[in-house]
C-alpha atoms as a PDB file:
ATOM      1  CA  MET A   1      22.285  36.559   7.524  1.00  0.00           C
ATOM      2  CA  ASP A   2      19.866  36.791  10.424  1.00  0.00           C
ATOM      3  CA  ARG A   3      18.231  33.770  12.048  1.00  0.00           C
ATOM      4  CA  THR A   4      14.758  34.409  10.606  1.00  0.00           C
ATOM      5  CA  MET A   5      16.061  34.571   7.042  1.00  0.00           C
ATOM      6  CA  ASN A   6      18.124  31.423   7.582  1.00  0.00           C
ATOM      7  CA  ARG A   7      15.065  29.521   8.869  1.00  0.00           C
ATOM      8  CA  CYS A   8      12.940  30.712   5.928  1.00  0.00           C
ATOM      9  CA  LEU A   9      15.547  29.541   3.413  1.00  0.00           C
ATOM     10  CA  THR A  10      15.902  26.189   5.183  1.00  0.00           C
ATOM     11  CA  PHE A  11      12.119  25.691   5.119  1.00  0.00           C
ATOM     12  CA  PHE A  12      11.949  26.702   1.442  1.00  0.00           C
ATOM     13  CA  PHE A  13      14.632  24.197   0.432  1.00  0.00           C
ATOM     14  CA  ALA A  14      13.073  21.466   2.598  1.00  0.00           C
ATOM     15  CA  ILE A  15       9.734  21.704   0.786  1.00  0.00           C
ATOM     16  CA  SER A  16      11.090  22.466  -2.683  1.00  0.00           C
ATOM     17  CA  PHE A  17      13.080  19.319  -3.296  1.00  0.00           C
ATOM     18  CA  PRO A  18      11.807  15.761  -3.072  1.00  0.00           C
ATOM     19  CA  VAL A  19      13.033  13.678  -0.176  1.00  0.00           C
ATOM     20  CA  ILE A  20      14.157  10.218  -1.217  1.00  0.00           C
ATOM     21  CA  ALA A  21      13.171   6.878   0.305  1.00  0.00           C
ATOM     22  CA  GLN A  22      16.374   6.317   2.270  1.00  0.00           C
ATOM     23  CA  ASP A  23      15.352   9.233   4.491  1.00  0.00           C
ATOM     24  CA  TRP A  24      11.977   7.614   5.278  1.00  0.00           C
ATOM     25  CA  PHE A  25      10.701   4.343   6.710  1.00  0.00           C
ATOM     26  CA  ILE A  26       7.344   2.722   7.394  1.00  0.00           C
ATOM     27  CA  GLN A  27       6.532   2.585  11.086  1.00  0.00           C
ATOM     28  CA  ASN A  28       5.293  -1.048  10.919  1.00  0.00           C
ATOM     29  CA  SER A  29       4.024  -1.093  14.514  1.00  0.00           C
ATOM     30  CA  LYS A  30       1.571   1.704  13.585  1.00  0.00           C
ATOM     31  CA  SER A  31       0.760   0.504  10.037  1.00  0.00           C
ATOM     32  CA  SER A  32      -1.262  -2.214   8.340  1.00  0.00           C
ATOM     33  CA  ILE A  33      -2.057  -3.633   4.916  1.00  0.00           C
ATOM     34  CA  THR A  34      -5.276  -5.655   5.038  1.00  0.00           C
ATOM     35  CA  PHE A  35      -7.714  -7.500   2.800  1.00  0.00           C
ATOM     36  CA  GLU A  36     -11.255  -8.765   3.130  1.00  0.00           C
ATOM     37  CA  VAL A  37     -13.181 -11.152   0.897  1.00  0.00           C
ATOM     38  CA  GLU A  38     -16.672 -12.579   1.252  1.00  0.00           C
ATOM     39  CA  ALA A  39     -17.136 -16.337   1.234  1.00  0.00           C
ATOM     40  CA  LYS A  40     -20.387 -18.260   1.554  1.00  0.00           C
ATOM     41  CA  THR A  41     -19.939 -19.056   5.237  1.00  0.00           C
ATOM     42  CA  GLN A  42     -17.773 -16.154   6.455  1.00  0.00           C
ATOM     43  CA  THR A  43     -15.906 -12.979   5.665  1.00  0.00           C
ATOM     44  CA  VAL A  44     -12.224 -13.801   5.406  1.00  0.00           C
ATOM     45  CA  GLN A  45     -10.032 -11.032   6.784  1.00  0.00           C
ATOM     46  CA  GLY A  46      -6.283 -10.991   6.507  1.00  0.00           C
ATOM     47  CA  THR A  47      -3.184  -8.899   6.643  1.00  0.00           C
ATOM     48  CA  PHE A  48       0.365  -8.882   5.363  1.00  0.00           C
ATOM     49  CA  LYS A  49       2.931  -8.803   8.136  1.00  0.00           C
ATOM     50  CA  ASN A  50       6.041  -7.788   6.143  1.00  0.00           C
ATOM     51  CA  TYR A  51       6.345  -4.805   3.808  1.00  0.00           C
ATOM     52  CA  ARG A  52       8.834  -2.050   3.200  1.00  0.00           C
ATOM     53  CA  LEU A  53       9.243   1.238   1.427  1.00  0.00           C
ATOM     54  CA  SER A  54      11.014   0.754  -1.909  1.00  0.00           C
ATOM     55  CA  SER A  55      10.967   4.358  -3.061  1.00  0.00           C
ATOM     56  CA  PHE A  56       9.422   7.575  -1.793  1.00  0.00           C
ATOM     57  CA  GLN A  57       9.277  11.227  -2.776  1.00  0.00           C
ATOM     58  CA  TYR A  58       7.592  13.922  -0.747  1.00  0.00           C
ATOM     59  CA  ASN A  59       8.232  17.625  -0.356  1.00  0.00           C
ATOM     60  CA  GLY A  60       5.595  18.625   2.179  1.00  0.00           C
ATOM     61  CA  ARG A  61       2.606  18.791  -0.197  1.00  0.00           C
ATOM     62  CA  ALA A  62       0.145  15.917  -0.702  1.00  0.00           C
ATOM     63  CA  GLU A  63       0.348  16.288  -4.495  1.00  0.00           C
ATOM     64  CA  SER A  64       4.086  15.569  -4.364  1.00  0.00           C
ATOM     65  CA  LEU A  65       3.622  12.075  -2.889  1.00  0.00           C
ATOM     66  CA  LYS A  66       5.029   9.320  -5.057  1.00  0.00           C
ATOM     67  CA  GLY A  67       6.532   6.034  -4.074  1.00  0.00           C
ATOM     68  CA  SER A  68       6.444   2.290  -3.946  1.00  0.00           C
ATOM     69  CA  ILE A  69       5.888  -0.353  -1.272  1.00  0.00           C
ATOM     70  CA  SER A  70       7.062  -3.954  -1.570  1.00  0.00           C
ATOM     71  CA  ILE A  71       4.862  -6.509   0.194  1.00  0.00           C
ATOM     72  CA  GLU A  72       6.165  -9.989   1.026  1.00  0.00           C
ATOM     73  CA  THR A  73       3.359 -12.258  -0.208  1.00  0.00           C
ATOM     74  CA  GLY A  74       4.579 -15.076   2.050  1.00  0.00           C
ATOM     75  CA  SER A  75       3.728 -12.935   5.081  1.00  0.00           C
ATOM     76  CA  VAL A  76      -0.028 -13.326   4.446  1.00  0.00           C
ATOM     77  CA  TYR A  77      -1.887 -13.939   7.715  1.00  0.00           C
ATOM     78  CA  THR A  78      -5.593 -14.804   8.144  1.00  0.00           C
ATOM     79  CA  ARG A  79      -5.477 -16.470  11.595  1.00  0.00           C
ATOM     80  CA  ASN A  80      -5.827 -19.869   9.909  1.00  0.00           C
ATOM     81  CA  THR A  81      -2.508 -21.649   9.238  1.00  0.00           C
ATOM     82  CA  ARG A  82      -3.979 -24.078   6.718  1.00  0.00           C
ATOM     83  CA  ARG A  83      -5.577 -21.267   4.700  1.00  0.00           C
ATOM     84  CA  ASP A  84      -2.402 -19.129   4.917  1.00  0.00           C
ATOM     85  CA  ASN A  85      -0.303 -22.004   3.582  1.00  0.00           C
ATOM     86  CA  HIS A  86      -2.784 -22.498   0.735  1.00  0.00           C
ATOM     87  CA  LEU A  87      -2.685 -18.788  -0.136  1.00  0.00           C
ATOM     88  CA  ARG A  88       1.101 -19.141  -0.573  1.00  0.00           C
ATOM     89  CA  GLN A  89       0.691 -21.962  -3.154  1.00  0.00           C
ATOM     90  CA  ASP A  90       0.822 -21.616  -6.953  1.00  0.00           C
ATOM     91  CA  ASP A  91      -2.955 -21.223  -7.404  1.00  0.00           C
ATOM     92  CA  PHE A  92      -2.907 -18.020  -5.315  1.00  0.00           C
ATOM     93  CA  PHE A  93       0.148 -15.849  -4.526  1.00  0.00           C
ATOM     94  CA  TYR A  94       2.735 -18.454  -5.651  1.00  0.00           C
ATOM     95  CA  THR A  95       5.221 -17.018  -3.171  1.00  0.00           C
ATOM     96  CA  GLU A  96       8.039 -19.312  -4.277  1.00  0.00           C
ATOM     97  CA  LYS A  97       8.071 -17.712  -7.735  1.00  0.00           C
ATOM     98  CA  PHE A  98       6.584 -14.280  -6.880  1.00  0.00           C
ATOM     99  CA  PRO A  99       7.750 -13.362  -3.368  1.00  0.00           C
ATOM    100  CA  LEU A 100       6.778  -9.681  -3.672  1.00  0.00           C
ATOM    101  CA  ALA A 101       3.689  -7.706  -4.579  1.00  0.00           C
ATOM    102  CA  THR A 102       4.204  -4.006  -5.264  1.00  0.00           C
ATOM    103  CA  VAL A 103       2.013  -0.955  -4.818  1.00  0.00           C
ATOM    104  CA  THR A 104       3.206   2.199  -6.546  1.00  0.00           C
ATOM    105  CA  VAL A 105       1.684   5.638  -6.009  1.00  0.00           C
ATOM    106  CA  LEU A 106       1.720   7.223  -9.453  1.00  0.00           C
ATOM    107  CA  GLU A 107       0.089  10.524  -8.512  1.00  0.00           C
ATOM    108  CA  VAL A 108      -2.086  12.227  -5.920  1.00  0.00           C
ATOM    109  CA  THR A 109      -4.587  14.820  -7.122  1.00  0.00           C
ATOM    110  CA  PRO A 110      -7.246  16.923  -5.407  1.00  0.00           C
ATOM    111  CA  GLY A 111     -10.683  15.328  -5.503  1.00  0.00           C
ATOM    112  CA  GLU A 112     -14.200  16.362  -4.628  1.00  0.00           C
ATOM    113  CA  ASN A 113     -14.051  14.459  -1.307  1.00  0.00           C
ATOM    114  CA  GLY A 114     -10.348  14.837  -0.590  1.00  0.00           C
ATOM    115  CA  PRO A 115      -7.173  13.608  -2.279  1.00  0.00           C
ATOM    116  CA  VAL A 116      -7.359  10.838  -4.886  1.00  0.00           C
ATOM    117  CA  ALA A 117      -4.386   8.526  -5.454  1.00  0.00           C
ATOM    118  CA  ARG A 118      -3.753   6.774  -8.749  1.00  0.00           C
ATOM    119  CA  ILE A 119      -1.843   3.614  -7.919  1.00  0.00           C
ATOM    120  CA  SER A 120      -0.445   0.597  -9.698  1.00  0.00           C
ATOM    121  CA  LEU A 121      -0.740  -2.836  -8.092  1.00  0.00           C
ATOM    122  CA  SER A 122       1.545  -5.691  -9.209  1.00  0.00           C
ATOM    123  CA  ILE A 123       0.847  -9.245  -8.056  1.00  0.00           C
ATOM    124  CA  ARG A 124       2.520 -12.258  -9.643  1.00  0.00           C
ATOM    125  CA  ASP A 125       3.377 -11.086 -13.176  1.00  0.00           C
ATOM    126  CA  LYS A 126       0.246  -8.915 -13.567  1.00  0.00           C
ATOM    127  CA  LYS A 127      -0.157  -5.175 -13.110  1.00  0.00           C
ATOM    128  CA  LYS A 128      -3.285  -3.019 -12.911  1.00  0.00           C
ATOM    129  CA  GLU A 129      -4.036   0.616 -12.037  1.00  0.00           C
ATOM    130  CA  TYR A 130      -6.617   1.737  -9.484  1.00  0.00           C
ATOM    131  CA  LEU A 131      -7.961   4.961  -8.025  1.00  0.00           C
ATOM    132  CA  VAL A 132      -8.050   5.300  -4.260  1.00  0.00           C
ATOM    133  CA  GLU A 133     -10.804   7.824  -3.665  1.00  0.00           C
ATOM    134  CA  LYS A 134     -11.424   9.384  -0.277  1.00  0.00           C
ATOM    135  CA  LEU A 135      -7.733   8.969   0.505  1.00  0.00           C
ATOM    136  CA  GLN A 136      -7.096  10.174   4.035  1.00  0.00           C
ATOM    137  CA  LEU A 137      -3.768  11.950   4.318  1.00  0.00           C
ATOM    138  CA  GLU A 138      -2.145  13.509   7.319  1.00  0.00           C
ATOM    139  CA  THR A 139       1.096  15.170   6.291  1.00  0.00           C
ATOM    140  CA  ALA A 140       3.880  17.022   8.037  1.00  0.00           C
ATOM    141  CA  LEU A 141       7.514  17.570   7.138  1.00  0.00           C
ATOM    142  CA  LYS A 142       8.665  14.550   9.175  1.00  0.00           C
ATOM    143  CA  SER A 143       5.664  12.213   8.878  1.00  0.00           C
ATOM    144  CA  VAL A 144       2.955  11.072   6.505  1.00  0.00           C
ATOM    145  CA  ARG A 145      -0.065   8.945   7.342  1.00  0.00           C
ATOM    146  CA  ALA A 146      -2.104   7.539   4.453  1.00  0.00           C
ATOM    147  CA  ARG A 147      -5.323   5.554   4.847  1.00  0.00           C
ATOM    148  CA  GLY A 148      -7.650   4.197   2.220  1.00  0.00           C
ATOM    149  CA  LYS A 149      -9.390   1.257   0.570  1.00  0.00           C
ATOM    150  CA  PHE A 150      -9.902  -0.015  -2.947  1.00  0.00           C
ATOM    151  CA  LEU A 151     -11.517  -3.037  -4.625  1.00  0.00           C
ATOM    152  CA  VAL A 152      -9.437  -5.588  -6.507  1.00  0.00           C
ATOM    153  CA  ASN A 153     -10.710  -8.428  -8.669  1.00  0.00           C
ATOM    154  CA  ARG A 154      -8.496 -11.369  -7.698  1.00  0.00           C
ATOM    155  CA  MET A 155      -8.947 -12.959 -11.145  1.00  0.00           C
ATOM    156  CA  ASP A 156      -7.072 -10.011 -12.715  1.00  0.00           C
ATOM    157  CA  PHE A 157      -3.958 -11.368 -10.968  1.00  0.00           C
ATOM    158  CA  ASP A 158      -4.568 -15.103 -11.529  1.00  0.00           C
ATOM    159  CA  LEU A 159      -5.396 -15.627  -7.842  1.00  0.00           C
ATOM    160  CA  LYS A 160      -7.778 -18.379  -8.843  1.00  0.00           C
ATOM    161  CA  GLY A 161      -7.712 -21.057  -6.210  1.00  0.00           C
ATOM    162  CA  ASN A 162      -9.239 -24.394  -7.000  1.00  0.00           C
ATOM    163  CA  LEU A 163     -12.750 -25.055  -8.303  1.00  0.00           C
ATOM    164  CA  LEU A 164     -14.284 -25.250  -4.823  1.00  0.00           C
ATOM    165  CA  GLU A 165     -12.819 -21.889  -3.735  1.00  0.00           C
ATOM    166  CA  ASN A 166     -14.140 -20.228  -6.880  1.00  0.00           C
ATOM    167  CA  GLN A 167     -17.643 -21.426  -5.991  1.00  0.00           C
ATOM    168  CA  ILE A 168     -17.603 -20.170  -2.398  1.00  0.00           C
ATOM    169  CA  MET A 169     -15.359 -17.075  -2.542  1.00  0.00           C
ATOM    170  CA  ASP A 170     -16.162 -13.742  -4.184  1.00  0.00           C
ATOM    171  CA  ASP A 171     -13.815 -12.418  -6.835  1.00  0.00           C
ATOM    172  CA  GLU A 172     -13.882  -8.888  -5.372  1.00  0.00           C
ATOM    173  CA  VAL A 173     -11.378  -8.286  -2.573  1.00  0.00           C
ATOM    174  CA  LEU A 174     -11.371  -5.116  -0.487  1.00  0.00           C
ATOM    175  CA  VAL A 175      -7.776  -3.996   0.122  1.00  0.00           C
ATOM    176  CA  GLY A 176      -7.115  -1.504   2.897  1.00  0.00           C
ATOM    177  CA  PHE A 177      -4.064   0.301   4.150  1.00  0.00           C
ATOM    178  CA  ASP A 178      -3.108   2.491   7.070  1.00  0.00           C
ATOM    179  CA  LEU A 179       0.515   3.480   6.611  1.00  0.00           C
ATOM    180  CA  VAL A 180       2.588   5.694   8.861  1.00  0.00           C
ATOM    181  CA  LEU A 181       5.831   6.901   7.300  1.00  0.00           C
ATOM    182  CA  GLU A 182       8.413   8.779   9.304  1.00  0.00           C
ATOM    183  CA  ARG A 183      11.464  10.715   8.300  1.00  0.00           C
ATOM    184  CA  LEU A 184      14.796   9.640   9.788  1.00  0.00           C
ATOM    185  CA  ARG A 185      16.375  13.067   9.875  1.00  0.00           C
END
């Protein structure tokens, strides 16, 4: 078999079969998972420092993307130690009982303004689906970069806080992500 035919067959098999998560990793130094919520006196911005790929399938086409990311809720960081410690308590993330939040990409479909991802978000013992419209995807055989934002109502996940927080903090939280995934082989 000549070299050209061999390369064509290799490329065909590479894009025809899903690649599993163990072949991929999140490049954490180039990635971020963020949140932003309005309060009466300020906009609180934060990030999660620790997250990992739990599962991943991708065969070279955006529509083939499926997977799951586990986020360590105890890694919440808002540049305010007192607030971070409070967010870890049982009236918010309750990290002792629920150490992980999970985002699962259920499907990616073409949209009017680019790809749209249907995702499932699990926090504490609650789960809800969202659409990430205007998903920005940069894909290649050995890397994927996904960027987007979506609104979450914190009350849907029992992230209630105490009475004072509920009076000064909006229920709507803007969640953003910029994830760079790279293939090991």
